[in-house]
């Protein structure tokens, strides 16, 4: 389970980071 949860967590963090940076880029 740990092996599967780690990649999923990374994808979640990446998606959130991409959205955050995307919003910042659009605002600026």
PDB file of N, CA and C in Angstrom:
ATOM      1  N   UNK A   1       0.835  -1.205   0.000  1.00  0.00           N
ATOM      2  CA  UNK A   1       0.000   0.000   0.000  1.00  0.00           C
ATOM      3  C   UNK A   1       0.871   1.258   0.000  1.00  0.00           C
ATOM      4  N   UNK A   2       1.929   1.239   0.797  1.00  0.00           N
ATOM      5  CA  UNK A   2       2.809   2.414   0.895  1.00  0.00           C
ATOM      6  C   UNK A   2       3.362   2.767  -0.483  1.00  0.00           C
ATOM      7  N   UNK A   3       3.700   1.739  -1.254  1.00  0.00           N
ATOM      8  CA  UNK A   3       4.277   1.985  -2.586  1.00  0.00           C
ATOM      9  C   UNK A   3       3.259   2.690  -3.483  1.00  0.00           C
ATOM     10  N   UNK A   4       1.983   2.370  -3.298  1.00  0.00           N
ATOM     11  CA  UNK A   4       0.946   2.977  -4.141  1.00  0.00           C
ATOM     12  C   UNK A   4       0.548   4.356  -3.623  1.00  0.00           C
ATOM     13  N   UNK A   5       0.546   4.504  -2.297  1.00  0.00           N
ATOM     14  CA  UNK A   5       0.109   5.778  -1.716  1.00  0.00           C
ATOM     15  C   UNK A   5       1.127   6.876  -1.969  1.00  0.00           C
ATOM     16  N   UNK A   6       2.389   6.529  -2.014  1.00  0.00           N
ATOM     17  CA  UNK A   6       3.422   7.561  -2.214  1.00  0.00           C
ATOM     18  C   UNK A   6       3.269   8.266  -3.563  1.00  0.00           C
ATOM     19  N   UNK A   7       3.191   7.533  -4.681  1.00  0.00           N
ATOM     20  CA  UNK A   7       3.018   8.173  -5.998  1.00  0.00           C
ATOM     21  C   UNK A   7       1.736   8.994  -6.050  1.00  0.00           C
ATOM     22  N   UNK A   8       0.679   8.478  -5.463  1.00  0.00           N
ATOM     23  CA  UNK A   8      -0.605   9.194  -5.478  1.00  0.00           C
ATOM     24  C   UNK A   8      -0.466  10.520  -4.747  1.00  0.00           C
ATOM     25  N   UNK A   9       0.190  10.491  -3.595  1.00  0.00           N
ATOM     26  CA  UNK A   9       0.394  11.720  -2.816  1.00  0.00           C
ATOM     27  C   UNK A   9       1.220  12.706  -3.627  1.00  0.00           C
ATOM     28  N   UNK A  10       2.226  12.197  -4.324  1.00  0.00           N
ATOM     29  CA  UNK A  10       3.080  13.069  -5.145  1.00  0.00           C
ATOM     30  C   UNK A  10       2.254  13.711  -6.256  1.00  0.00           C
ATOM     31  N   UNK A  11       1.370  12.932  -6.870  1.00  0.00           N
ATOM     32  CA  UNK A  11       0.534  13.468  -7.951  1.00  0.00           C
ATOM     33  C   UNK A  11      -0.400  14.541  -7.402  1.00  0.00           C
ATOM     34  N   UNK A  12      -0.948  14.299  -6.214  1.00  0.00           N
ATOM     35  CA  UNK A  12      -1.849  15.266  -5.598  1.00  0.00           C
ATOM     36  C   UNK A  12      -1.110  16.565  -5.345  1.00  0.00           C
ATOM     37  N   UNK A  13       0.107  16.447  -4.797  1.00  0.00           N
ATOM     38  CA  UNK A  13       0.911  17.640  -4.504  1.00  0.00           C
ATOM     39  C   UNK A  13       1.253  18.366  -5.794  1.00  0.00           C
ATOM     40  N   UNK A  14       1.585  17.604  -6.838  1.00  0.00           N
ATOM     41  CA  UNK A  14       1.944  18.223  -8.123  1.00  0.00           C
ATOM     42  C   UNK A  14       0.755  18.969  -8.697  1.00  0.00           C
ATOM     43  N   UNK A  15      -0.412  18.339  -8.696  1.00  0.00           N
ATOM     44  CA  UNK A  15      -1.603  18.971  -9.262  1.00  0.00           C
ATOM     45  C   UNK A  15      -1.924  20.258  -8.514  1.00  0.00           C
ATOM     46  N   UNK A  16      -1.837  20.200  -7.176  1.00  0.00           N
ATOM     47  CA  UNK A  16      -2.129  21.392  -6.371  1.00  0.00           C
ATOM     48  C   UNK A  16      -1.107  22.475  -6.655  1.00  0.00           C
ATOM     49  N   UNK A  17       0.164  22.085  -6.753  1.00  0.00           N
ATOM     50  CA  UNK A  17       1.242  23.057  -7.007  1.00  0.00           C
ATOM     51  C   UNK A  17       1.040  23.696  -8.375  1.00  0.00           C
ATOM     52  N   UNK A  18       0.709  22.867  -9.379  1.00  0.00           N
ATOM     53  CA  UNK A  18       0.522  23.391 -10.738  1.00  0.00           C
ATOM     54  C   UNK A  18      -0.646  24.375 -10.764  1.00  0.00           C
ATOM     55  N   UNK A  19      -1.726  24.040 -10.066  1.00  0.00           N
ATOM     56  CA  UNK A  19      -2.890  24.931 -10.039  1.00  0.00           C
ATOM     57  C   UNK A  19      -2.528  26.237  -9.352  1.00  0.00           C
ATOM     58  N   UNK A  20      -1.795  26.126  -8.240  1.00  0.00           N
ATOM     59  CA  UNK A  20      -1.401  27.322  -7.488  1.00  0.00           C
ATOM     60  C   UNK A  20      -0.548  28.235  -8.354  1.00  0.00           C
ATOM     61  N   UNK A  21       0.487  27.662  -8.971  1.00  0.00           N
ATOM     62  CA  UNK A  21       1.380  28.463  -9.821  1.00  0.00           C
ATOM     63  C   UNK A  21       0.612  29.019 -11.013  1.00  0.00           C
ATOM     64  N   UNK A  22      -0.315  28.251 -11.542  1.00  0.00           N
ATOM     65  CA  UNK A  22      -1.103  28.696 -12.685  1.00  0.00           C
ATOM     66  C   UNK A  22      -1.941  29.912 -12.322  1.00  0.00           C
ATOM     67  N   UNK A  23      -2.570  29.867 -11.144  1.00  0.00           N
ATOM     68  CA  UNK A  23      -3.385  31.001 -10.711  1.00  0.00           C
ATOM     69  C   UNK A  23      -2.512  32.221 -10.489  1.00  0.00           C
ATOM     70  N   UNK A  24      -1.358  32.020  -9.882  1.00  0.00           N
ATOM     71  CA  UNK A  24      -0.436  33.130  -9.621  1.00  0.00           C
ATOM     72  C   UNK A  24       0.004  33.743 -10.944  1.00  0.00           C
ATOM     73  N   UNK A  25       0.308  32.897 -11.921  1.00  0.00           N
ATOM     74  CA  UNK A  25       0.758  33.383 -13.224  1.00  0.00           C
ATOM     75  C   UNK A  25      -0.342  34.183 -13.914  1.00  0.00           C
ATOM     76  N   UNK A  26      -1.591  33.708 -13.837  1.00  0.00           N
ATOM     77  CA  UNK A  26      -2.700  34.408 -14.486  1.00  0.00           C
ATOM     78  C   UNK A  26      -2.944  35.752 -13.804  1.00  0.00           C
ATOM     79  N   UNK A  27      -2.864  35.777 -12.472  1.00  0.00           N
ATOM     80  CA  UNK A  27      -3.112  37.017 -11.730  1.00  0.00           C
ATOM     81  C   UNK A  27      -2.033  38.035 -12.040  1.00  0.00           C
ATOM     82  N   UNK A  28      -0.787  37.567 -12.087  1.00  0.00           N
ATOM     83  CA  UNK A  28       0.332  38.477 -12.340  1.00  0.00           C
ATOM     84  C   UNK A  28       0.413  38.767 -13.844  1.00  0.00           C
TER      85      UNK A  28
END
